[in-house]
Structure formats: C-alpha cells, structure tokens
Amino acid sequence: MESFFRMLDAQAVLLVYLCIGFYCAKKDIIDGHTKQKLTDLILQITLPCMIFESFDRPLTPELLKQTFAVLMVALMISILSYLCGKVLYNRYPWEKKSVLQYATLVNNCGFLGLPMVSAVYGSEGLLFASIFIIPNRIFMWTAGISIFTKADLKSNLKNILLNPCIITVILGLGRRILNIPVHEVIDTAVSAIGQVTTPLSMFVIGTMVVGVSIPSLFEKSIFYLSFVRLIALPMAALVILNLIHMSPLLTGVSLILTGMPAGSTSVLLAVKYGVNADYASRCVVMTTILSLITIPILMLFL
C-alpha cells in the first residue's frame, strides 16, 4: 500500500504539470515549434543528465546482479510486446494496425516512465529504470521501424548507438566501473538539470491534449490498445516478476515502466511514413490519460 500512496502523490503532481502544459498550449505560450524544441531539450539534455546522476553509487556485485536481472526481464517483456502486436490487431486495416502494433511494442518508458520512477523510488529506482529501457529502445529502432518500412542494419545500429539515453547509460556505467571522479560543481549542475525533466516532460504531454476531439478518443480500437498496453502487458510482467522472485523495488520499477502509455514516437513515425497520424495522436493521448489511473492501480498488486 505504501507504493500505491507514493504513486498517487506522484500522479497528482504530474497531473498538475500536465494541466499547466495544457494551459500553456491553449494560451499559445507553447506553440508547435516550442513543443518540438522542448522535446529535443528533454531527450538530448535533461533526461540524459537525470540518467547519468542515477549512477552516482558504487557498483557492488549485488547491484550488478540486480541490473542483469532487470535487463533480462525487460528483454522478455519487449519480446512479448512484439509478439502481441503481431497477432492481436489483424482485424484492423493496415493504417490502424501498424499504429496499434507499434504502440504496443514501444511505450513512453523514457519520456514519462523515468520521471515517474524517479518520483516514486528516487535515484536508486532510476538506475534500474535506466537499464530497463535499453531493450525497449533497441526494439524501437529495429522491429518498431520495420513495422512501417524496411530499414537497413547500418541505420538501425546508428539510431541505437547514438540514442542519448543509451550513451548516458554507457557513460554512467563507465564512470562507476572505472571509478572516474566528477568535480562537485559538474555533479551539482548535472543533478539540477536532470531535476527539471519531470515538469518539462509533463508540460509537453499536456500540450498534446490540445486540438484533440474528446469524442474521437472513445474508439473501440483505442480502448483495446489501452487494455493491452496498460493492463494486460503489466499483469503478464507481474507474473514473470513473481515467478523469478524479484525484489519489491525491481518489481515496482518494472511494473511502472511496462505499464507506460503508447510512445509519442508513434505520431512522429505515422507522419513520416504516411500512416494515419491523427489516429496515432489519439492513441497516445488516450493511453496517456488512462495511465494516470491504471498505474496507481497496478501498484496495489505489489
């Protein structure tokens, strides 16, 4: 129950941030150009700083063992998500099926999940969350892209290796393994920059709600995606986590990140490859709104 109440408190704060983002978009304080620049700022600067700071702890044998366990669980969940997307949406036309399949495979674990884990479990949880997102990001740039088009191996590897979050995880691990000292001034600055990630992320998510027709969100296929993405996959993950007797911390982190809504890249790729971008936007918005309800409920199962 303690995790449930911590999540409720965190969700309440995130909801305030989201409402501020919605207000800023309505008043044109944040327009489309500003939203894109804020997204770039988060993904390339503030989120990597948050991840790097989470590695500011000794790498003990027990910590390495837990890190490997989290990585394996994340890999299993990514494979399960991919297989579910391949078989669950065959009844829908291609323009919807491709979006549903991608949104099932790739969630918002980086943009929204890491700040949420940080709010509930602090830097210790954030370290494991940073490892957990690696398979998801690999699948995003390989199997995810292949849903819309054929991408060559070179491009896939480039996207994976140049992903700021992956680079930061490597730097963070290198810092700890080699025990490289970081000056207090740099450490303080990196920590402070990372702390703005959560409000900025929710501001951007709040702007997504503007311009979306509320009635259009209540489409059966979107509710179906929401069930798969926000309930079925997290519950399947919980079964796996209980079978291997993961610790409460690792279980909580894994459950939160598995239960994240559809990734915002669903919209970007839909636009790029000429799929139904409006439908992709509605999937992202609806799953994001519903996740504010489902995530605290999932915490009751811990």
C-alpha atoms as a PDB file:
ATOM      1  CA  MET A   1       0.000   0.000   0.000  1.00  0.00           C
ATOM      2  CA  GLU A   2       2.920   2.326   0.622  1.00  0.00           C
ATOM      3  CA  SER A   3       3.887   2.191  -3.071  1.00  0.00           C
ATOM      4  CA  PHE A   4       0.274   2.880  -4.013  1.00  0.00           C
ATOM      5  CA  PHE A   5       0.102   6.060  -1.929  1.00  0.00           C
ATOM      6  CA  ARG A   6       3.516   7.227  -3.138  1.00  0.00           C
ATOM      7  CA  MET A   7       2.311   6.732  -6.708  1.00  0.00           C
ATOM      8  CA  LEU A   8      -0.915   8.629  -6.006  1.00  0.00           C
ATOM      9  CA  ASP A   9       1.095  11.561  -4.695  1.00  0.00           C
ATOM     10  CA  ALA A  10       3.408  11.415  -7.702  1.00  0.00           C
ATOM     11  CA  GLN A  11       0.491  11.192 -10.138  1.00  0.00           C
ATOM     12  CA  ALA A  12      -1.201  14.183  -8.517  1.00  0.00           C
ATOM     13  CA  VAL A  13       1.935  16.262  -9.039  1.00  0.00           C
ATOM     14  CA  LEU A  14       2.296  15.028 -12.622  1.00  0.00           C
ATOM     15  CA  LEU A  15      -1.341  15.908 -13.290  1.00  0.00           C
ATOM     16  CA  VAL A  16      -0.677  19.476 -12.146  1.00  0.00           C
ATOM     17  CA  TYR A  17       2.271  19.684 -14.538  1.00  0.00           C
ATOM     18  CA  LEU A  18       0.116  18.255 -17.345  1.00  0.00           C
ATOM     19  CA  CYS A  19      -2.606  20.851 -16.727  1.00  0.00           C
ATOM     20  CA  ILE A  20      -0.012  23.632 -16.838  1.00  0.00           C
ATOM     21  CA  GLY A  21       1.233  22.296 -20.170  1.00  0.00           C
ATOM     22  CA  PHE A  22      -2.350  22.208 -21.465  1.00  0.00           C
ATOM     23  CA  TYR A  23      -2.873  25.810 -20.317  1.00  0.00           C
ATOM     24  CA  CYS A  24       0.363  26.958 -21.949  1.00  0.00           C
ATOM     25  CA  ALA A  25      -0.675  25.377 -25.256  1.00  0.00           C
ATOM     26  CA  LYS A  26      -4.163  26.899 -25.103  1.00  0.00           C
ATOM     27  CA  LYS A  27      -2.672  30.344 -24.464  1.00  0.00           C
ATOM     28  CA  ASP A  28      -0.056  29.782 -27.170  1.00  0.00           C
ATOM     29  CA  ILE A  29       2.766  30.133 -24.651  1.00  0.00           C
ATOM     30  CA  ILE A  30       3.959  26.794 -26.030  1.00  0.00           C
ATOM     31  CA  ASP A  31       3.315  26.506 -29.773  1.00  0.00           C
ATOM     32  CA  GLY A  32       4.205  23.642 -32.094  1.00  0.00           C
ATOM     33  CA  HIS A  33       7.751  24.877 -32.668  1.00  0.00           C
ATOM     34  CA  THR A  34       8.366  25.400 -28.952  1.00  0.00           C
ATOM     35  CA  LYS A  35       6.992  21.939 -28.162  1.00  0.00           C
ATOM     36  CA  GLN A  36       9.440  20.337 -30.582  1.00  0.00           C
ATOM     37  CA  LYS A  37      12.347  22.288 -29.117  1.00  0.00           C
ATOM     38  CA  LEU A  38      11.322  21.336 -25.571  1.00  0.00           C
ATOM     39  CA  THR A  39      11.150  17.690 -26.649  1.00  0.00           C
ATOM     40  CA  ASP A  40      14.673  17.939 -28.077  1.00  0.00           C
ATOM     41  CA  LEU A  41      15.868  19.623 -24.880  1.00  0.00           C
ATOM     42  CA  ILE A  42      14.428  16.821 -22.737  1.00  0.00           C
ATOM     43  CA  LEU A  43      15.654  13.908 -24.852  1.00  0.00           C
ATOM     44  CA  GLN A  44      19.123  15.298 -25.537  1.00  0.00           C
ATOM     45  CA  ILE A  45      19.962  17.222 -22.345  1.00  0.00           C
ATOM     46  CA  THR A  46      17.788  16.960 -19.236  1.00  0.00           C
ATOM     47  CA  LEU A  47      16.843  13.254 -19.416  1.00  0.00           C
ATOM     48  CA  PRO A  48      20.437  12.116 -20.029  1.00  0.00           C
ATOM     49  CA  CYS A  49      21.512  14.257 -17.047  1.00  0.00           C
ATOM     50  CA  MET A  50      18.866  12.564 -14.892  1.00  0.00           C
ATOM     51  CA  ILE A  51      20.061   9.122 -16.016  1.00  0.00           C
ATOM     52  CA  PHE A  52      23.751   9.933 -15.517  1.00  0.00           C
ATOM     53  CA  GLU A  53      23.144  11.166 -11.978  1.00  0.00           C
ATOM     54  CA  SER A  54      21.379   7.907 -11.083  1.00  0.00           C
ATOM     55  CA  PHE A  55      24.709   6.073 -11.491  1.00  0.00           C
ATOM     56  CA  ASP A  56      26.259   8.073  -8.655  1.00  0.00           C
ATOM     57  CA  ARG A  57      26.577   5.000  -6.413  1.00  0.00           C
ATOM     58  CA  PRO A  58      29.108   2.141  -6.023  1.00  0.00           C
ATOM     59  CA  LEU A  59      28.651  -0.846  -8.346  1.00  0.00           C
ATOM     60  CA  THR A  60      28.563  -3.758  -5.910  1.00  0.00           C
ATOM     61  CA  PRO A  61      28.276  -7.410  -7.052  1.00  0.00           C
ATOM     62  CA  GLU A  62      24.688  -7.453  -5.777  1.00  0.00           C
ATOM     63  CA  LEU A  63      23.856  -4.319  -7.745  1.00  0.00           C
ATOM     64  CA  LEU A  64      25.337  -5.815 -10.920  1.00  0.00           C
ATOM     65  CA  LYS A  65      23.312  -8.987 -10.364  1.00  0.00           C
ATOM     66  CA  GLN A  66      20.109  -6.959  -9.993  1.00  0.00           C
ATOM     67  CA  THR A  67      20.978  -4.884 -13.049  1.00  0.00           C
ATOM     68  CA  PHE A  68      21.390  -8.017 -15.172  1.00  0.00           C
ATOM     69  CA  ALA A  69      18.071  -9.401 -13.862  1.00  0.00           C
ATOM     70  CA  VAL A  70      16.267  -6.174 -14.787  1.00  0.00           C
ATOM     71  CA  LEU A  71      17.796  -6.240 -18.263  1.00  0.00           C
ATOM     72  CA  MET A  72      16.634  -9.827 -18.862  1.00  0.00           C
ATOM     73  CA  VAL A  73      13.107  -9.072 -17.636  1.00  0.00           C
ATOM     74  CA  ALA A  74      12.928  -6.018 -19.888  1.00  0.00           C
ATOM     75  CA  LEU A  75      14.083  -8.104 -22.847  1.00  0.00           C
ATOM     76  CA  MET A  76      11.383 -10.734 -22.188  1.00  0.00           C
ATOM     77  CA  ILE A  77       8.694  -8.062 -21.938  1.00  0.00           C
ATOM     78  CA  SER A  78       9.844  -6.418 -25.179  1.00  0.00           C
ATOM     79  CA  ILE A  79       9.669  -9.766 -26.985  1.00  0.00           C
ATOM     80  CA  LEU A  80       6.209 -10.410 -25.526  1.00  0.00           C
ATOM     81  CA  SER A  81       5.040  -6.933 -26.593  1.00  0.00           C
ATOM     82  CA  TYR A  82       6.294  -7.555 -30.125  1.00  0.00           C
ATOM     83  CA  LEU A  83       4.532 -10.926 -30.383  1.00  0.00           C
ATOM     84  CA  CYS A  84       1.286  -9.475 -29.013  1.00  0.00           C
ATOM     85  CA  GLY A  85       1.374  -6.722 -31.616  1.00  0.00           C
ATOM     86  CA  LYS A  86       1.859  -9.282 -34.370  1.00  0.00           C
ATOM     87  CA  VAL A  87      -1.284 -11.277 -33.530  1.00  0.00           C
ATOM     88  CA  LEU A  88      -3.784  -9.038 -31.724  1.00  0.00           C
ATOM     89  CA  TYR A  89      -4.615  -6.442 -34.382  1.00  0.00           C
ATOM     90  CA  ASN A  90      -5.107  -8.438 -37.581  1.00  0.00           C
ATOM     91  CA  ARG A  91      -8.782  -7.443 -37.750  1.00  0.00           C
ATOM     92  CA  TYR A  92      -7.891  -3.786 -38.377  1.00  0.00           C
ATOM     93  CA  PRO A  93      -6.856  -2.137 -41.670  1.00  0.00           C
ATOM     94  CA  TRP A  94      -3.144  -1.530 -42.176  1.00  0.00           C
ATOM     95  CA  GLU A  95      -3.265   2.195 -41.371  1.00  0.00           C
ATOM     96  CA  LYS A  96      -4.559   1.367 -37.887  1.00  0.00           C
ATOM     97  CA  LYS A  97      -2.866  -1.986 -37.391  1.00  0.00           C
ATOM     98  CA  SER A  98       0.609  -0.516 -37.908  1.00  0.00           C
ATOM     99  CA  VAL A  99      -0.017   2.191 -35.301  1.00  0.00           C
ATOM    100  CA  LEU A 100      -1.522  -0.279 -32.805  1.00  0.00           C
ATOM    101  CA  GLN A 101       1.337  -2.722 -33.320  1.00  0.00           C
ATOM    102  CA  TYR A 102       3.978  -0.047 -32.818  1.00  0.00           C
ATOM    103  CA  ALA A 103       2.198   1.471 -29.796  1.00  0.00           C
ATOM    104  CA  THR A 104       2.090  -1.968 -28.178  1.00  0.00           C
ATOM    105  CA  LEU A 105       5.802  -2.540 -28.740  1.00  0.00           C
ATOM    106  CA  VAL A 106       7.111   0.943 -27.925  1.00  0.00           C
ATOM    107  CA  ASN A 107       5.844   2.771 -24.880  1.00  0.00           C
ATOM    108  CA  ASN A 108       6.695   6.049 -23.211  1.00  0.00           C
ATOM    109  CA  CYS A 109       9.056   4.499 -20.659  1.00  0.00           C
ATOM    110  CA  GLY A 110      11.803   7.052 -21.298  1.00  0.00           C
ATOM    111  CA  PHE A 111       9.933  10.328 -21.678  1.00  0.00           C
ATOM    112  CA  LEU A 112       7.329   9.659 -18.961  1.00  0.00           C
ATOM    113  CA  GLY A 113       8.425   6.460 -17.225  1.00  0.00           C
ATOM    114  CA  LEU A 114      11.829   7.578 -15.959  1.00  0.00           C
ATOM    115  CA  PRO A 115      10.497  10.764 -14.321  1.00  0.00           C
ATOM    116  CA  MET A 116       7.684   8.729 -12.752  1.00  0.00           C
ATOM    117  CA  VAL A 117      10.082   6.103 -11.356  1.00  0.00           C
ATOM    118  CA  SER A 118      12.291   8.890 -10.049  1.00  0.00           C
ATOM    119  CA  ALA A 119       9.332  10.481  -8.276  1.00  0.00           C
ATOM    120  CA  VAL A 120       8.346   7.220  -6.561  1.00  0.00           C
ATOM    121  CA  TYR A 121      11.643   5.365  -5.991  1.00  0.00           C
ATOM    122  CA  GLY A 122      14.290   8.088  -6.199  1.00  0.00           C
ATOM    123  CA  SER A 123      17.742   7.711  -7.706  1.00  0.00           C
ATOM    124  CA  GLU A 124      18.031   4.025  -6.739  1.00  0.00           C
ATOM    125  CA  GLY A 125      14.950   3.125  -8.743  1.00  0.00           C
ATOM    126  CA  LEU A 126      16.034   5.407 -11.570  1.00  0.00           C
ATOM    127  CA  LEU A 127      19.283   3.490 -12.009  1.00  0.00           C
ATOM    128  CA  PHE A 128      17.417   0.233 -12.652  1.00  0.00           C
ATOM    129  CA  ALA A 129      14.874   2.056 -14.817  1.00  0.00           C
ATOM    130  CA  SER A 130      17.709   3.383 -16.992  1.00  0.00           C
ATOM    131  CA  ILE A 131      18.801  -0.209 -17.619  1.00  0.00           C
ATOM    132  CA  PHE A 132      15.222  -1.421 -18.137  1.00  0.00           C
ATOM    133  CA  ILE A 133      14.572   0.914 -21.083  1.00  0.00           C
ATOM    134  CA  ILE A 134      17.535  -0.374 -23.130  1.00  0.00           C
ATOM    135  CA  PRO A 135      15.714  -3.342 -24.792  1.00  0.00           C
ATOM    136  CA  ASN A 136      12.697  -1.129 -25.484  1.00  0.00           C
ATOM    137  CA  ARG A 137      14.876   1.395 -27.276  1.00  0.00           C
ATOM    138  CA  ILE A 138      16.635  -1.336 -29.263  1.00  0.00           C
ATOM    139  CA  PHE A 139      13.295  -2.769 -30.365  1.00  0.00           C
ATOM    140  CA  MET A 140      12.048   0.728 -31.182  1.00  0.00           C
ATOM    141  CA  TRP A 141      14.795   1.304 -33.743  1.00  0.00           C
ATOM    142  CA  THR A 142      14.700  -2.223 -35.189  1.00  0.00           C
ATOM    143  CA  ALA A 143      11.386  -4.116 -35.015  1.00  0.00           C
ATOM    144  CA  GLY A 144       9.492  -0.852 -34.475  1.00  0.00           C
ATOM    145  CA  ILE A 145      10.788   0.819 -37.616  1.00  0.00           C
ATOM    146  CA  SER A 146      10.254  -2.401 -39.593  1.00  0.00           C
ATOM    147  CA  ILE A 147       6.516  -2.147 -38.885  1.00  0.00           C
ATOM    148  CA  PHE A 148       6.341   0.909 -41.124  1.00  0.00           C
ATOM    149  CA  THR A 149       9.203   0.321 -43.534  1.00  0.00           C
ATOM    150  CA  LYS A 150      12.332  -1.698 -44.230  1.00  0.00           C
ATOM    151  CA  ALA A 151      15.369  -0.090 -42.609  1.00  0.00           C
ATOM    152  CA  ASP A 152      18.921  -1.240 -43.263  1.00  0.00           C
ATOM    153  CA  LEU A 153      21.105  -2.646 -40.480  1.00  0.00           C
ATOM    154  CA  LYS A 154      23.504   0.311 -40.593  1.00  0.00           C
ATOM    155  CA  SER A 155      20.735   2.833 -39.940  1.00  0.00           C
ATOM    156  CA  ASN A 156      19.307   0.706 -37.110  1.00  0.00           C
ATOM    157  CA  LEU A 157      22.674   0.410 -35.379  1.00  0.00           C
ATOM    158  CA  LYS A 158      23.326   4.128 -35.802  1.00  0.00           C
ATOM    159  CA  ASN A 159      19.972   5.043 -34.222  1.00  0.00           C
ATOM    160  CA  ILE A 160      20.595   2.687 -31.289  1.00  0.00           C
ATOM    161  CA  LEU A 161      24.192   3.665 -30.589  1.00  0.00           C
ATOM    162  CA  LEU A 162      23.560   7.406 -30.953  1.00  0.00           C
ATOM    163  CA  ASN A 163      20.481   7.396 -28.717  1.00  0.00           C
ATOM    164  CA  PRO A 164      21.290   9.903 -25.916  1.00  0.00           C
ATOM    165  CA  CYS A 165      19.816   7.652 -23.216  1.00  0.00           C
ATOM    166  CA  ILE A 166      21.879   4.639 -24.324  1.00  0.00           C
ATOM    167  CA  ILE A 167      25.024   6.779 -24.489  1.00  0.00           C
ATOM    168  CA  THR A 168      24.359   8.114 -20.990  1.00  0.00           C
ATOM    169  CA  VAL A 169      23.865   4.620 -19.548  1.00  0.00           C
ATOM    170  CA  ILE A 170      27.227   3.597 -21.049  1.00  0.00           C
ATOM    171  CA  LEU A 171      28.901   6.728 -19.634  1.00  0.00           C
ATOM    172  CA  GLY A 172      27.284   6.182 -16.240  1.00  0.00           C
ATOM    173  CA  LEU A 173      28.434   2.564 -16.088  1.00  0.00           C
ATOM    174  CA  GLY A 174      31.901   3.570 -17.255  1.00  0.00           C
ATOM    175  CA  ARG A 175      32.088   6.214 -14.551  1.00  0.00           C
ATOM    176  CA  ARG A 176      31.314   3.670 -11.863  1.00  0.00           C
ATOM    177  CA  ILE A 177      33.363   0.760 -13.210  1.00  0.00           C
ATOM    178  CA  LEU A 178      36.462   2.921 -13.688  1.00  0.00           C
ATOM    179  CA  ASN A 179      35.645   4.988 -10.595  1.00  0.00           C
ATOM    180  CA  ILE A 180      36.173   8.239 -12.501  1.00  0.00           C
ATOM    181  CA  PRO A 181      35.809  11.260 -10.161  1.00  0.00           C
ATOM    182  CA  VAL A 182      33.430  14.040 -11.189  1.00  0.00           C
ATOM    183  CA  HIS A 183      34.002  17.514  -9.810  1.00  0.00           C
ATOM    184  CA  GLU A 184      31.370  18.653  -7.321  1.00  0.00           C
ATOM    185  CA  VAL A 185      30.449  21.657  -9.486  1.00  0.00           C
ATOM    186  CA  ILE A 186      29.758  19.421 -12.512  1.00  0.00           C
ATOM    187  CA  ASP A 187      27.913  16.881 -10.364  1.00  0.00           C
ATOM    188  CA  THR A 188      25.670  19.578  -8.873  1.00  0.00           C
ATOM    189  CA  ALA A 189      24.941  21.107 -12.271  1.00  0.00           C
ATOM    190  CA  VAL A 190      24.094  17.730 -13.845  1.00  0.00           C
ATOM    191  CA  SER A 191      21.795  16.896 -10.925  1.00  0.00           C
ATOM    192  CA  ALA A 192      19.985  20.246 -11.126  1.00  0.00           C
ATOM    193  CA  ILE A 193      19.488  19.964 -14.889  1.00  0.00           C
ATOM    194  CA  GLY A 194      18.127  16.438 -14.515  1.00  0.00           C
ATOM    195  CA  GLN A 195      15.576  17.578 -11.952  1.00  0.00           C
ATOM    196  CA  VAL A 196      13.700  19.732 -14.489  1.00  0.00           C
ATOM    197  CA  THR A 197      12.975  16.675 -16.663  1.00  0.00           C
ATOM    198  CA  THR A 198       9.751  15.713 -14.899  1.00  0.00           C
ATOM    199  CA  PRO A 199       7.879  19.038 -15.172  1.00  0.00           C
ATOM    200  CA  LEU A 200       9.127  19.691 -18.708  1.00  0.00           C
ATOM    201  CA  SER A 201       8.052  16.220 -19.861  1.00  0.00           C
ATOM    202  CA  MET A 202       4.555  16.662 -18.462  1.00  0.00           C
ATOM    203  CA  PHE A 203       4.278  20.163 -19.947  1.00  0.00           C
ATOM    204  CA  VAL A 204       4.930  18.654 -23.393  1.00  0.00           C
ATOM    205  CA  ILE A 205       2.477  15.796 -22.798  1.00  0.00           C
ATOM    206  CA  GLY A 206      -0.137  18.317 -21.668  1.00  0.00           C
ATOM    207  CA  THR A 207       0.184  20.197 -24.964  1.00  0.00           C
ATOM    208  CA  MET A 208      -0.732  17.011 -26.860  1.00  0.00           C
ATOM    209  CA  VAL A 209      -4.271  17.125 -25.490  1.00  0.00           C
ATOM    210  CA  VAL A 210      -4.974  20.464 -27.149  1.00  0.00           C
ATOM    211  CA  GLY A 211      -6.712  20.125 -30.501  1.00  0.00           C
ATOM    212  CA  VAL A 212      -7.768  16.513 -29.991  1.00  0.00           C
ATOM    213  CA  SER A 213     -11.524  15.968 -30.244  1.00  0.00           C
ATOM    214  CA  ILE A 214     -12.695  14.354 -26.999  1.00  0.00           C
ATOM    215  CA  PRO A 215     -15.397  12.171 -28.658  1.00  0.00           C
ATOM    216  CA  SER A 216     -12.818  10.830 -31.132  1.00  0.00           C
ATOM    217  CA  LEU A 217     -10.850   9.343 -28.235  1.00  0.00           C
ATOM    218  CA  PHE A 218     -13.653   6.926 -27.403  1.00  0.00           C
ATOM    219  CA  GLU A 219     -12.983   4.478 -30.206  1.00  0.00           C
ATOM    220  CA  LYS A 220     -13.112   0.739 -29.531  1.00  0.00           C
ATOM    221  CA  SER A 221      -9.727   0.027 -31.063  1.00  0.00           C
ATOM    222  CA  ILE A 222      -8.092   2.669 -28.850  1.00  0.00           C
ATOM    223  CA  PHE A 223      -9.680   1.138 -25.744  1.00  0.00           C
ATOM    224  CA  TYR A 224      -8.465  -2.255 -26.940  1.00  0.00           C
ATOM    225  CA  LEU A 225      -4.928  -0.891 -27.259  1.00  0.00           C
ATOM    226  CA  SER A 226      -5.244   0.710 -23.825  1.00  0.00           C
ATOM    227  CA  PHE A 227      -6.226  -2.617 -22.280  1.00  0.00           C
ATOM    228  CA  VAL A 228      -3.299  -4.430 -23.894  1.00  0.00           C
ATOM    229  CA  ARG A 229      -0.754  -1.665 -23.249  1.00  0.00           C
ATOM    230  CA  LEU A 230      -1.825  -0.558 -19.754  1.00  0.00           C
ATOM    231  CA  ILE A 231      -3.272  -3.698 -18.152  1.00  0.00           C
ATOM    232  CA  ALA A 232      -2.544  -6.984 -19.959  1.00  0.00           C
ATOM    233  CA  LEU A 233       1.195  -6.464 -20.512  1.00  0.00           C
ATOM    234  CA  PRO A 234       1.895  -5.152 -16.980  1.00  0.00           C
ATOM    235  CA  MET A 235      -0.028  -8.058 -15.440  1.00  0.00           C
ATOM    236  CA  ALA A 236       1.928 -10.519 -17.599  1.00  0.00           C
ATOM    237  CA  ALA A 237       5.118  -8.792 -16.433  1.00  0.00           C
ATOM    238  CA  LEU A 238       3.974  -9.104 -12.821  1.00  0.00           C
ATOM    239  CA  VAL A 239       3.546 -12.864 -13.258  1.00  0.00           C
ATOM    240  CA  ILE A 240       7.090 -13.120 -14.647  1.00  0.00           C
ATOM    241  CA  LEU A 241       8.481 -10.958 -11.845  1.00  0.00           C
ATOM    242  CA  ASN A 242       6.774 -13.037  -9.147  1.00  0.00           C
ATOM    243  CA  LEU A 243       7.930 -16.310 -10.703  1.00  0.00           C
ATOM    244  CA  ILE A 244      11.566 -15.236 -10.521  1.00  0.00           C
ATOM    245  CA  HIS A 245      11.113 -13.631  -7.077  1.00  0.00           C
ATOM    246  CA  MET A 246      12.308 -10.148  -7.946  1.00  0.00           C
ATOM    247  CA  SER A 247      12.747  -7.706  -5.062  1.00  0.00           C
ATOM    248  CA  PRO A 248       9.909  -5.233  -4.336  1.00  0.00           C
ATOM    249  CA  LEU A 249      11.984  -2.337  -5.708  1.00  0.00           C
ATOM    250  CA  LEU A 250      12.801  -4.062  -9.004  1.00  0.00           C
ATOM    251  CA  THR A 251       9.242  -5.339  -9.327  1.00  0.00           C
ATOM    252  CA  GLY A 252       7.833  -1.854  -8.802  1.00  0.00           C
ATOM    253  CA  VAL A 253      10.193  -0.257 -11.308  1.00  0.00           C
ATOM    254  CA  SER A 254       9.498  -2.951 -13.916  1.00  0.00           C
ATOM    255  CA  LEU A 255       5.748  -2.730 -13.406  1.00  0.00           C
ATOM    256  CA  ILE A 256       5.670   1.056 -13.789  1.00  0.00           C
ATOM    257  CA  LEU A 257       7.736   1.023 -16.978  1.00  0.00           C
ATOM    258  CA  THR A 258       5.795  -1.860 -18.529  1.00  0.00           C
ATOM    259  CA  GLY A 259       2.518  -0.041 -17.841  1.00  0.00           C
ATOM    260  CA  MET A 260       3.514   3.160 -19.626  1.00  0.00           C
ATOM    261  CA  PRO A 261       1.272   4.554 -22.397  1.00  0.00           C
ATOM    262  CA  ALA A 262       1.988   4.450 -26.120  1.00  0.00           C
ATOM    263  CA  GLY A 263       5.213   6.181 -27.097  1.00  0.00           C
ATOM    264  CA  SER A 264       4.978   9.641 -28.616  1.00  0.00           C
ATOM    265  CA  THR A 265       7.186   8.428 -31.475  1.00  0.00           C
ATOM    266  CA  SER A 266       4.053   6.644 -32.721  1.00  0.00           C
ATOM    267  CA  VAL A 267       2.866  10.014 -34.026  1.00  0.00           C
ATOM    268  CA  LEU A 268       6.240  11.030 -35.466  1.00  0.00           C
ATOM    269  CA  LEU A 269       6.607   7.797 -37.439  1.00  0.00           C
ATOM    270  CA  ALA A 270       2.978   7.881 -38.573  1.00  0.00           C
ATOM    271  CA  VAL A 271       3.611  11.319 -40.072  1.00  0.00           C
ATOM    272  CA  LYS A 272       6.941  10.289 -41.591  1.00  0.00           C
ATOM    273  CA  TYR A 273       5.636   7.128 -43.281  1.00  0.00           C
ATOM    274  CA  GLY A 274       2.208   8.410 -44.313  1.00  0.00           C
ATOM    275  CA  VAL A 275       0.127   6.373 -41.875  1.00  0.00           C
ATOM    276  CA  ASN A 276      -2.903   7.796 -40.008  1.00  0.00           C
ATOM    277  CA  ALA A 277      -1.185  10.430 -37.825  1.00  0.00           C
ATOM    278  CA  ASP A 278      -4.460  11.665 -36.313  1.00  0.00           C
ATOM    279  CA  TYR A 279      -5.269   8.142 -35.141  1.00  0.00           C
ATOM    280  CA  ALA A 280      -1.758   7.769 -33.702  1.00  0.00           C
ATOM    281  CA  SER A 281      -2.184  11.053 -31.792  1.00  0.00           C
ATOM    282  CA  ARG A 282      -5.457   9.848 -30.321  1.00  0.00           C
ATOM    283  CA  CYS A 283      -3.851   6.560 -29.241  1.00  0.00           C
ATOM    284  CA  VAL A 284      -1.039   8.417 -27.475  1.00  0.00           C
ATOM    285  CA  VAL A 285      -3.349  10.922 -25.772  1.00  0.00           C
ATOM    286  CA  MET A 286      -5.915   8.368 -24.604  1.00  0.00           C
ATOM    287  CA  THR A 287      -3.387   5.844 -23.278  1.00  0.00           C
ATOM    288  CA  THR A 288      -1.543   8.666 -21.514  1.00  0.00           C
ATOM    289  CA  ILE A 289      -4.708   9.920 -19.801  1.00  0.00           C
ATOM    290  CA  LEU A 290      -5.776   6.413 -18.785  1.00  0.00           C
ATOM    291  CA  SER A 291      -2.293   5.589 -17.495  1.00  0.00           C
ATOM    292  CA  LEU A 292      -2.743   8.230 -14.804  1.00  0.00           C
ATOM    293  CA  ILE A 293      -5.461   5.926 -13.448  1.00  0.00           C
ATOM    294  CA  THR A 294      -4.062   2.479 -14.224  1.00  0.00           C
ATOM    295  CA  ILE A 295      -0.527   2.974 -12.871  1.00  0.00           C
ATOM    296  CA  PRO A 296      -1.618   3.607  -9.258  1.00  0.00           C
ATOM    297  CA  ILE A 297      -3.998   0.640  -9.505  1.00  0.00           C
ATOM    298  CA  LEU A 298      -1.140  -1.603 -10.686  1.00  0.00           C
ATOM    299  CA  MET A 299       0.839  -0.584  -7.616  1.00  0.00           C
ATOM    300  CA  LEU A 300      -1.818  -2.239  -5.458  1.00  0.00           C
ATOM    301  CA  PHE A 301      -0.596  -5.615  -6.745  1.00  0.00           C
ATOM    302  CA  LEU A 302       2.881  -5.159  -5.308  1.00  0.00           C
END
